[in-house]
Amino acid sequence: MTTDRAGGPNASGRMVLAFLAFVLLAIFGASFVYRLERPSLEVHQKKSQAAMPDAMNQAMNGPMKEVMALMQKLQENPEDPGLQLAMAERFMAMGSFDRAKTFLDKVAKVRPDDPDVLNALGVTLYNLKDLEGAKAAFETILSRNAGDYRALFNLALLNKYALNQPEKAVAGFEAVIASPDADPETKATAQKELEGKAPQ
């Protein structure tokens, strides 16, 4: 009996140790497999942190850099309509149409008949969901120059997609195609619109 008692605990102790070794082996194996499946998790985190300054640098070297330079010039010449129009165009390119309109409103007071200003204002108003305002801007250009292909094209797009006036849109696109002033790309886009194809 004594021998059996002594042998019993030793045998069960060995079983516990063997089980613990198996568990540790299983944990190590699972950890090893996890690392194999995700070898560069830490690298990705470091890369994403490093990518933030790169993205900021690109933004600061792109449109924002131009805006900052223009803002400095505007501080020296706050009433310069050329600078105000340039600022509006930069903000339009960035999709900041509220800010673009602020500058366009100032320029329009000084250059109410300027087709560049009116065209930019029409595009901006369209993006701000002021469809009637956009239409009025393009029609004002055409009342002074019936052959302005940009106004014809933009008004045709407005008629086709926003104002549900397909006949007027067709007439506008045809006028763009016939215009001697329109560039080949605009003419090609107008032709695709007439054929019912989406612009590429």
Protein backbone atom coordinates (compact mmCIF):
# COMPACT_ATOMS: atom_id res chain seq x y z
CA MET A 1 0.00 0.00 0.00
CA THR A 2 2.78 2.38 0.92
CA THR A 3 4.50 1.61 -2.37
CA ASP A 4 1.21 2.15 -4.21
CA ARG A 5 0.63 5.51 -2.49
CA ALA A 6 4.15 6.65 -3.27
CA GLY A 7 3.82 5.48 -6.89
CA GLY A 8 0.35 7.06 -7.30
CA PRO A 9 1.26 10.73 -6.71
CA ASN A 10 4.42 10.42 -8.78
CA ALA A 11 2.44 9.05 -11.71
CA SER A 12 -0.26 11.73 -11.48
CA GLY A 13 2.42 14.43 -11.08
CA ARG A 14 4.07 13.25 -14.24
CA MET A 15 0.70 13.37 -16.02
CA VAL A 16 0.09 16.98 -14.84
CA LEU A 17 3.57 18.01 -16.02
CA ALA A 18 3.02 16.32 -19.36
CA PHE A 19 -0.34 18.10 -19.73
CA LEU A 20 1.20 21.49 -18.85
CA ALA A 21 3.99 20.89 -21.36
CA PHE A 22 1.37 20.05 -23.99
CA VAL A 23 -0.61 23.24 -23.19
CA LEU A 24 2.55 25.40 -23.34
CA LEU A 25 3.49 23.75 -26.63
CA ALA A 26 0.01 24.43 -28.00
CA ILE A 27 0.17 28.10 -26.92
CA PHE A 28 3.63 28.50 -28.45
CA GLY A 29 2.42 26.82 -31.65
CA ALA A 30 -0.63 29.08 -31.88
CA SER A 31 1.53 32.14 -31.28
CA PHE A 32 3.99 31.00 -33.95
CA VAL A 33 1.18 30.43 -36.48
CA TYR A 34 -0.31 33.88 -35.65
CA ARG A 35 3.04 35.54 -36.32
CA LEU A 36 3.47 33.61 -39.54
CA GLU A 37 0.07 34.78 -40.75
CA ARG A 38 0.75 38.41 -39.70
CA PRO A 39 4.49 38.91 -40.19
CA SER A 40 4.41 42.66 -40.71
CA LEU A 41 1.69 43.92 -38.38
CA GLU A 42 4.11 46.18 -36.54
CA VAL A 43 5.65 47.35 -39.81
CA HIS A 44 2.20 48.33 -41.12
CA GLN A 45 1.53 50.39 -38.02
CA LYS A 46 4.83 52.18 -38.38
CA LYS A 47 4.23 52.76 -42.08
CA SER A 48 0.77 54.21 -41.48
CA GLN A 49 2.19 56.56 -38.85
CA ALA A 50 4.93 57.61 -41.25
CA ALA A 51 2.40 58.06 -44.07
CA MET A 52 0.58 60.83 -42.18
CA PRO A 53 3.39 63.38 -42.49
CA ASP A 54 3.85 62.37 -46.16
CA ALA A 55 0.17 63.05 -46.87
CA MET A 56 0.41 66.37 -45.06
CA ASN A 57 3.52 67.27 -47.05
CA GLN A 58 1.77 66.44 -50.32
CA ALA A 59 -1.22 68.57 -49.34
CA MET A 60 1.03 71.45 -48.33
CA ASN A 61 2.96 71.19 -51.61
CA GLY A 62 -0.24 71.00 -53.69
CA PRO A 63 -3.38 73.15 -53.65
CA MET A 64 -2.90 74.26 -50.03
CA LYS A 65 0.53 75.67 -50.82
CA GLU A 66 -1.00 77.68 -53.67
CA VAL A 67 -3.81 78.89 -51.40
CA MET A 68 -1.32 79.99 -48.72
CA ALA A 69 0.74 81.89 -51.30
CA LEU A 70 -2.38 83.58 -52.69
CA MET A 71 -3.59 84.46 -49.18
CA GLN A 72 -0.30 86.24 -48.53
CA LYS A 73 -0.67 88.22 -51.76
CA LEU A 74 -4.28 89.05 -50.85
CA GLN A 75 -3.15 90.49 -47.53
CA GLU A 76 -0.99 92.92 -49.51
CA ASN A 77 -3.72 93.61 -52.14
CA PRO A 78 -7.08 92.65 -50.58
CA GLU A 79 -9.18 94.24 -53.38
CA ASP A 80 -7.33 92.65 -56.31
CA PRO A 81 -10.05 90.89 -58.39
CA GLY A 82 -7.48 88.74 -60.22
CA LEU A 83 -6.22 87.31 -56.92
CA GLN A 84 -9.78 86.84 -55.66
CA LEU A 85 -10.70 84.91 -58.82
CA ALA A 86 -7.55 82.79 -58.49
CA MET A 87 -8.50 82.00 -54.87
CA ALA A 88 -12.01 81.04 -55.96
CA GLU A 89 -10.63 78.71 -58.64
CA ARG A 90 -8.30 77.00 -56.10
CA PHE A 91 -11.17 76.45 -53.69
CA MET A 92 -13.35 75.10 -56.53
CA ALA A 93 -10.57 72.64 -57.42
CA MET A 94 -10.54 71.52 -53.78
CA GLY A 95 -14.34 71.15 -53.69
CA SER A 96 -14.76 74.01 -51.20
CA PHE A 97 -17.57 75.73 -53.06
CA ASP A 98 -18.77 77.80 -50.07
CA ARG A 99 -15.38 79.48 -49.86
CA ALA A 100 -15.15 79.81 -53.62
CA LYS A 101 -18.48 81.66 -53.68
CA THR A 102 -17.27 84.15 -51.07
CA PHE A 103 -14.47 85.23 -53.40
CA LEU A 104 -16.61 85.06 -56.55
CA ASP A 105 -19.23 87.35 -55.00
CA LYS A 106 -16.50 89.96 -54.39
CA VAL A 107 -15.15 89.66 -57.94
CA ALA A 108 -18.64 89.81 -59.47
CA LYS A 109 -19.19 93.25 -57.92
CA VAL A 110 -16.15 94.58 -59.77
CA ARG A 111 -16.42 92.46 -62.94
CA PRO A 112 -20.16 91.78 -63.38
CA ASP A 113 -19.81 91.07 -67.12
CA ASP A 114 -16.68 88.91 -66.98
CA PRO A 115 -17.56 85.51 -68.55
CA ASP A 116 -14.81 83.75 -66.57
CA VAL A 117 -16.31 85.03 -63.32
CA LEU A 118 -19.88 84.20 -64.36
CA ASN A 119 -18.92 80.73 -65.57
CA ALA A 120 -17.10 79.96 -62.30
CA LEU A 121 -20.07 81.36 -60.38
CA GLY A 122 -22.48 79.15 -62.36
CA VAL A 123 -20.44 76.01 -61.65
CA THR A 124 -20.15 76.97 -57.98
CA LEU A 125 -23.89 77.66 -57.60
CA TYR A 126 -24.68 74.33 -59.26
CA ASN A 127 -22.49 72.53 -56.72
CA LEU A 128 -24.22 74.45 -53.93
CA LYS A 129 -27.59 73.14 -55.27
CA ASP A 130 -28.71 76.59 -56.44
CA LEU A 131 -29.87 75.42 -59.87
CA GLU A 132 -31.73 78.61 -60.81
CA GLY A 133 -28.74 80.73 -59.82
CA ALA A 134 -26.44 78.55 -61.94
CA LYS A 135 -28.84 78.78 -64.90
CA ALA A 136 -29.02 82.58 -64.55
CA ALA A 137 -25.20 82.86 -64.54
CA PHE A 138 -24.82 80.83 -67.77
CA GLU A 139 -27.72 82.65 -69.45
CA THR A 140 -26.18 86.01 -68.56
CA ILE A 141 -23.00 84.99 -70.40
CA LEU A 142 -25.01 83.86 -73.44
CA SER A 143 -27.06 87.06 -73.49
CA ARG A 144 -23.81 88.92 -74.11
CA ASN A 145 -22.09 86.31 -76.26
CA ALA A 146 -24.39 83.66 -77.74
CA GLY A 147 -21.41 81.64 -78.96
CA ASP A 148 -19.63 81.19 -75.60
CA TYR A 149 -19.08 77.43 -75.80
CA ARG A 150 -18.36 76.97 -72.08
CA ALA A 151 -21.67 78.55 -71.10
CA LEU A 152 -23.45 76.57 -73.84
CA PHE A 153 -21.91 73.33 -72.62
CA ASN A 154 -22.54 73.96 -68.91
CA LEU A 155 -26.13 75.08 -69.53
CA ALA A 156 -26.72 71.98 -71.69
CA LEU A 157 -25.46 69.75 -68.87
CA LEU A 158 -27.67 71.63 -66.41
CA ASN A 159 -30.69 71.20 -68.68
CA LYS A 160 -30.01 67.51 -69.23
CA TYR A 161 -29.22 66.36 -65.70
CA ALA A 162 -30.80 68.85 -63.32
CA LEU A 163 -33.61 70.79 -65.01
CA ASN A 164 -35.13 67.92 -67.05
CA GLN A 165 -35.16 69.86 -70.30
CA PRO A 166 -33.65 67.39 -72.79
CA GLU A 167 -34.59 69.39 -75.91
CA LYS A 168 -32.69 72.44 -74.69
CA ALA A 169 -29.78 70.18 -73.73
CA VAL A 170 -29.61 68.72 -77.25
CA ALA A 171 -29.62 72.20 -78.81
CA GLY A 172 -26.83 73.26 -76.47
CA PHE A 173 -24.62 70.27 -77.22
CA GLU A 174 -25.17 70.72 -80.96
CA ALA A 175 -24.14 74.38 -80.65
CA VAL A 176 -20.95 73.34 -78.82
CA ILE A 177 -20.07 70.83 -81.57
CA ALA A 178 -20.65 73.50 -84.24
CA SER A 179 -18.65 76.15 -82.38
CA PRO A 180 -15.34 77.13 -84.02
CA ASP A 181 -14.00 78.16 -80.61
CA ALA A 182 -14.69 74.93 -78.69
CA ASP A 183 -11.69 72.71 -78.05
CA PRO A 184 -11.70 69.12 -79.39
CA GLU A 185 -12.14 67.56 -75.96
CA THR A 186 -15.25 69.61 -75.17
CA LYS A 187 -16.69 68.84 -78.61
CA ALA A 188 -16.04 65.11 -78.10
CA THR A 189 -17.74 65.20 -74.69
CA ALA A 190 -20.73 67.06 -76.16
CA GLN A 191 -20.96 64.39 -78.89
CA LYS A 192 -20.96 61.62 -76.27
CA GLU A 193 -23.69 63.43 -74.36
CA LEU A 194 -25.77 63.59 -77.54
CA GLU A 195 -25.26 59.87 -78.09
CA GLY A 196 -26.30 59.19 -74.52
CA LYS A 197 -22.85 58.02 -73.43
CA ALA A 198 -21.38 59.01 -70.09
CA PRO A 199 -18.26 61.20 -70.39
CA GLN A 200 -15.00 59.27 -69.98
